[in-house]
Amino acid sequence: MKATRDGRSTTFAPMLAKCLCAGLAALLSQPLLAQSGYPAKPIRIVSPFAAGGTNDYLARMVGRVLTDAWGRAVVIENRRTWPPSS
């Protein structure tokens, strides 16, 4: 390996290795750029209280604001979680 007066290498191998690594990184990142917008499905907010109450009303207000802000559908689901059904 040749060296200059200040000790630097004059071979082409280090530059070639850097270029190959950069090219490989660019090729491997292509599938990441091809993904569709997140989220692909509508967003669900689960309200654990009965429909028609204050919590349902507030959840629907928040859902409307989030739909306007994100441009994605926000669905409010009312699921009674307690007491467990038999």
N, C-alpha and C. Protein backbone atom coordinates (compact mmCIF):
# COMPACT_ATOMS: atom_id res chain seq x y z
N MET A 1 0.84 -1.16 0.00
CA MET A 1 0.00 0.00 0.00
C MET A 1 0.89 1.24 0.00
N LYS A 2 0.67 2.13 -0.94
CA LYS A 2 1.46 3.36 -1.01
C LYS A 2 0.92 4.38 -0.03
N ALA A 3 1.78 5.23 0.46
CA ALA A 3 1.37 6.28 1.37
C ALA A 3 2.02 7.59 0.95
N THR A 4 1.33 8.69 1.17
CA THR A 4 1.88 10.00 0.87
C THR A 4 2.74 10.46 2.02
N ARG A 5 3.31 11.67 1.87
CA ARG A 5 4.20 12.19 2.90
C ARG A 5 3.51 12.33 4.26
N ASP A 6 2.21 12.69 4.25
CA ASP A 6 1.52 12.88 5.52
C ASP A 6 0.90 11.58 6.05
N GLY A 7 1.13 10.45 5.41
CA GLY A 7 0.70 9.16 5.93
C GLY A 7 -0.64 8.67 5.40
N ARG A 8 -1.30 9.43 4.53
CA ARG A 8 -2.59 9.00 4.00
C ARG A 8 -2.40 7.95 2.92
N SER A 9 -3.33 7.05 2.85
CA SER A 9 -3.29 5.98 1.86
C SER A 9 -3.70 6.54 0.50
N THR A 10 -3.13 6.04 -0.56
CA THR A 10 -3.48 6.50 -1.90
C THR A 10 -4.26 5.43 -2.66
N THR A 11 -4.68 4.38 -1.97
CA THR A 11 -5.41 3.33 -2.67
C THR A 11 -6.87 3.73 -2.87
N PHE A 12 -7.51 3.07 -3.79
CA PHE A 12 -8.89 3.35 -4.16
C PHE A 12 -9.87 2.55 -3.32
N ALA A 13 -9.42 1.53 -2.60
CA ALA A 13 -10.28 0.61 -1.87
C ALA A 13 -11.16 1.28 -0.81
N PRO A 14 -10.66 2.19 0.02
CA PRO A 14 -11.55 2.79 1.03
C PRO A 14 -12.72 3.56 0.40
N MET A 15 -12.45 4.29 -0.66
CA MET A 15 -13.52 5.04 -1.32
C MET A 15 -14.52 4.09 -1.97
N LEU A 16 -14.04 3.02 -2.55
CA LEU A 16 -14.91 2.04 -3.18
C LEU A 16 -15.80 1.37 -2.13
N ALA A 17 -15.26 1.06 -0.99
CA ALA A 17 -16.03 0.43 0.09
C ALA A 17 -17.13 1.38 0.58
N LYS A 18 -16.83 2.66 0.73
CA LYS A 18 -17.83 3.63 1.16
C LYS A 18 -18.94 3.76 0.13
N CYS A 19 -18.60 3.79 -1.15
CA CYS A 19 -19.60 3.90 -2.20
C CYS A 19 -20.49 2.67 -2.25
N LEU A 20 -19.90 1.49 -2.07
CA LEU A 20 -20.69 0.27 -2.07
C LEU A 20 -21.65 0.23 -0.88
N CYS A 21 -21.19 0.68 0.27
CA CYS A 21 -22.07 0.71 1.45
C CYS A 21 -23.22 1.69 1.25
N ALA A 22 -22.94 2.84 0.67
CA ALA A 22 -23.99 3.83 0.42
C ALA A 22 -25.00 3.30 -0.59
N GLY A 23 -24.52 2.64 -1.63
CA GLY A 23 -25.41 2.06 -2.64
C GLY A 23 -26.27 0.95 -2.06
N LEU A 24 -25.70 0.12 -1.23
CA LEU A 24 -26.44 -0.97 -0.60
C LEU A 24 -27.52 -0.40 0.34
N ALA A 25 -27.19 0.63 1.08
CA ALA A 25 -28.17 1.26 1.97
C ALA A 25 -29.32 1.87 1.18
N ALA A 26 -29.02 2.46 0.04
CA ALA A 26 -30.07 3.05 -0.80
C ALA A 26 -30.98 1.97 -1.37
N LEU A 27 -30.42 0.84 -1.77
CA LEU A 27 -31.23 -0.24 -2.31
C LEU A 27 -32.12 -0.87 -1.24
N LEU A 28 -31.61 -1.02 -0.04
CA LEU A 28 -32.38 -1.64 1.03
C LEU A 28 -33.48 -0.73 1.57
N SER A 29 -33.36 0.57 1.37
CA SER A 29 -34.38 1.49 1.90
C SER A 29 -35.56 1.67 0.95
N GLN A 30 -35.51 1.15 -0.26
CA GLN A 30 -36.59 1.31 -1.21
C GLN A 30 -37.92 0.73 -0.73
N PRO A 31 -37.97 -0.46 -0.15
CA PRO A 31 -39.27 -0.97 0.32
C PRO A 31 -39.90 -0.09 1.41
N LEU A 32 -39.10 0.59 2.19
CA LEU A 32 -39.63 1.47 3.22
C LEU A 32 -40.35 2.67 2.62
N LEU A 33 -39.87 3.15 1.49
CA LEU A 33 -40.49 4.31 0.86
C LEU A 33 -41.76 3.95 0.12
N ALA A 34 -41.98 2.67 -0.16
CA ALA A 34 -43.14 2.24 -0.94
C ALA A 34 -44.37 1.96 -0.09
N GLN A 35 -44.29 2.15 1.21
CA GLN A 35 -45.42 1.85 2.08
C GLN A 35 -46.53 2.86 1.88
N SER A 36 -47.76 2.40 2.06
CA SER A 36 -48.90 3.30 1.97
C SER A 36 -48.99 4.14 3.24
N GLY A 37 -49.86 5.13 3.21
CA GLY A 37 -50.00 6.01 4.36
C GLY A 37 -50.51 5.26 5.58
N TYR A 38 -49.97 5.63 6.73
CA TYR A 38 -50.39 4.99 7.97
C TYR A 38 -51.47 5.84 8.58
N PRO A 39 -52.48 5.35 9.12
CA PRO A 39 -52.95 3.98 9.15
C PRO A 39 -53.79 3.68 7.92
N ALA A 40 -53.79 2.44 7.50
CA ALA A 40 -54.54 2.04 6.31
C ALA A 40 -56.01 1.81 6.63
N LYS A 41 -56.33 1.48 7.86
CA LYS A 41 -57.72 1.23 8.27
C LYS A 41 -58.24 2.42 9.07
N PRO A 42 -59.56 2.51 9.24
CA PRO A 42 -60.10 3.58 10.09
C PRO A 42 -59.62 3.43 11.53
N ILE A 43 -59.46 4.54 12.21
CA ILE A 43 -59.02 4.54 13.60
C ILE A 43 -60.24 4.30 14.48
N ARG A 44 -60.12 3.39 15.45
CA ARG A 44 -61.24 3.08 16.34
C ARG A 44 -60.95 3.61 17.73
N ILE A 45 -61.92 4.30 18.29
CA ILE A 45 -61.86 4.71 19.69
C ILE A 45 -62.95 3.93 20.40
N VAL A 46 -62.56 3.17 21.43
CA VAL A 46 -63.53 2.36 22.17
C VAL A 46 -63.92 3.12 23.43
N SER A 47 -65.21 3.42 23.52
CA SER A 47 -65.77 4.07 24.70
C SER A 47 -66.41 2.98 25.56
N PRO A 48 -65.93 2.79 26.79
CA PRO A 48 -66.43 1.68 27.60
C PRO A 48 -67.75 1.98 28.32
N PHE A 49 -68.47 2.97 27.84
CA PHE A 49 -69.73 3.34 28.48
C PHE A 49 -70.87 3.24 27.48
N ALA A 50 -72.10 3.31 27.97
CA ALA A 50 -73.28 3.18 27.13
C ALA A 50 -73.39 4.36 26.15
N ALA A 51 -74.00 4.08 25.00
CA ALA A 51 -74.20 5.12 23.99
C ALA A 51 -75.21 6.15 24.48
N GLY A 52 -75.01 7.40 24.09
CA GLY A 52 -75.94 8.45 24.44
C GLY A 52 -75.57 9.24 25.67
N GLY A 53 -74.56 8.82 26.38
CA GLY A 53 -74.14 9.52 27.60
C GLY A 53 -73.12 10.61 27.30
N THR A 54 -72.67 11.24 28.37
CA THR A 54 -71.69 12.31 28.24
C THR A 54 -70.38 11.80 27.64
N ASN A 55 -69.93 10.61 28.08
CA ASN A 55 -68.68 10.06 27.55
C ASN A 55 -68.79 9.77 26.06
N ASP A 56 -69.93 9.27 25.63
CA ASP A 56 -70.14 9.01 24.21
C ASP A 56 -70.10 10.31 23.42
N TYR A 57 -70.75 11.34 23.94
CA TYR A 57 -70.78 12.64 23.27
C TYR A 57 -69.36 13.22 23.14
N LEU A 58 -68.59 13.17 24.23
CA LEU A 58 -67.22 13.69 24.20
C LEU A 58 -66.34 12.88 23.25
N ALA A 59 -66.49 11.56 23.25
CA ALA A 59 -65.69 10.73 22.34
C ALA A 59 -66.01 11.06 20.89
N ARG A 60 -67.27 11.30 20.58
CA ARG A 60 -67.65 11.65 19.21
C ARG A 60 -67.13 13.03 18.82
N MET A 61 -67.10 13.96 19.77
CA MET A 61 -66.52 15.28 19.48
C MET A 61 -65.03 15.17 19.19
N VAL A 62 -64.32 14.40 20.01
CA VAL A 62 -62.88 14.19 19.79
C VAL A 62 -62.66 13.48 18.46
N GLY A 63 -63.49 12.49 18.15
CA GLY A 63 -63.37 11.77 16.88
C GLY A 63 -63.55 12.69 15.69
N ARG A 64 -64.49 13.62 15.77
CA ARG A 64 -64.72 14.56 14.67
C ARG A 64 -63.51 15.48 14.47
N VAL A 65 -62.93 15.96 15.57
CA VAL A 65 -61.76 16.83 15.49
C VAL A 65 -60.57 16.06 14.91
N LEU A 66 -60.38 14.81 15.36
CA LEU A 66 -59.27 14.01 14.85
C LEU A 66 -59.45 13.69 13.36
N THR A 67 -60.68 13.44 12.93
CA THR A 67 -60.94 13.18 11.51
C THR A 67 -60.56 14.39 10.68
N ASP A 68 -60.92 15.58 11.14
CA ASP A 68 -60.57 16.80 10.41
C ASP A 68 -59.07 17.04 10.40
N ALA A 69 -58.41 16.77 11.52
CA ALA A 69 -56.97 17.03 11.62
C ALA A 69 -56.13 16.02 10.84
N TRP A 70 -56.49 14.75 10.90
CA TRP A 70 -55.69 13.70 10.30
C TRP A 70 -56.11 13.34 8.89
N GLY A 71 -57.36 13.64 8.53
CA GLY A 71 -57.85 13.25 7.22
C GLY A 71 -58.15 11.77 7.11
N ARG A 72 -58.28 11.09 8.22
CA ARG A 72 -58.61 9.66 8.27
C ARG A 72 -59.90 9.47 9.05
N ALA A 73 -60.63 8.43 8.72
CA ALA A 73 -61.88 8.16 9.43
C ALA A 73 -61.61 7.70 10.86
N VAL A 74 -62.35 8.27 11.80
CA VAL A 74 -62.27 7.87 13.21
C VAL A 74 -63.65 7.34 13.60
N VAL A 75 -63.69 6.09 14.05
CA VAL A 75 -64.94 5.43 14.41
C VAL A 75 -65.01 5.29 15.92
N ILE A 76 -66.14 5.66 16.51
CA ILE A 76 -66.34 5.53 17.95
C ILE A 76 -67.17 4.28 18.20
N GLU A 77 -66.65 3.37 19.02
CA GLU A 77 -67.36 2.14 19.37
C GLU A 77 -67.71 2.18 20.83
N ASN A 78 -68.96 1.91 21.15
CA ASN A 78 -69.39 1.85 22.55
C ASN A 78 -69.45 0.38 22.95
N ARG A 79 -68.57 0.00 23.86
CA ARG A 79 -68.54 -1.39 24.36
C ARG A 79 -68.62 -1.34 25.87
N ARG A 80 -69.60 -1.98 26.35
CA ARG A 80 -69.73 -2.06 27.81
C ARG A 80 -68.77 -3.13 28.29
N THR A 81 -67.83 -2.74 29.15
CA THR A 81 -66.80 -3.69 29.58
C THR A 81 -67.03 -4.24 30.98
N TRP A 82 -67.89 -3.59 31.78
CA TRP A 82 -68.12 -4.08 33.13
C TRP A 82 -69.59 -3.96 33.45
N PRO A 83 -70.24 -4.87 34.03
CA PRO A 83 -69.78 -6.20 34.41
C PRO A 83 -69.66 -7.09 33.17
N PRO A 84 -68.77 -8.07 33.25
CA PRO A 84 -68.60 -8.96 32.11
C PRO A 84 -69.88 -9.73 31.81
N SER A 85 -70.16 -9.88 30.55
CA SER A 85 -71.36 -10.65 30.18
C SER A 85 -71.10 -12.13 30.37
N SER A 86 -72.14 -12.86 30.69
CA SER A 86 -71.96 -14.29 30.94
C SER A 86 -72.31 -15.12 29.74
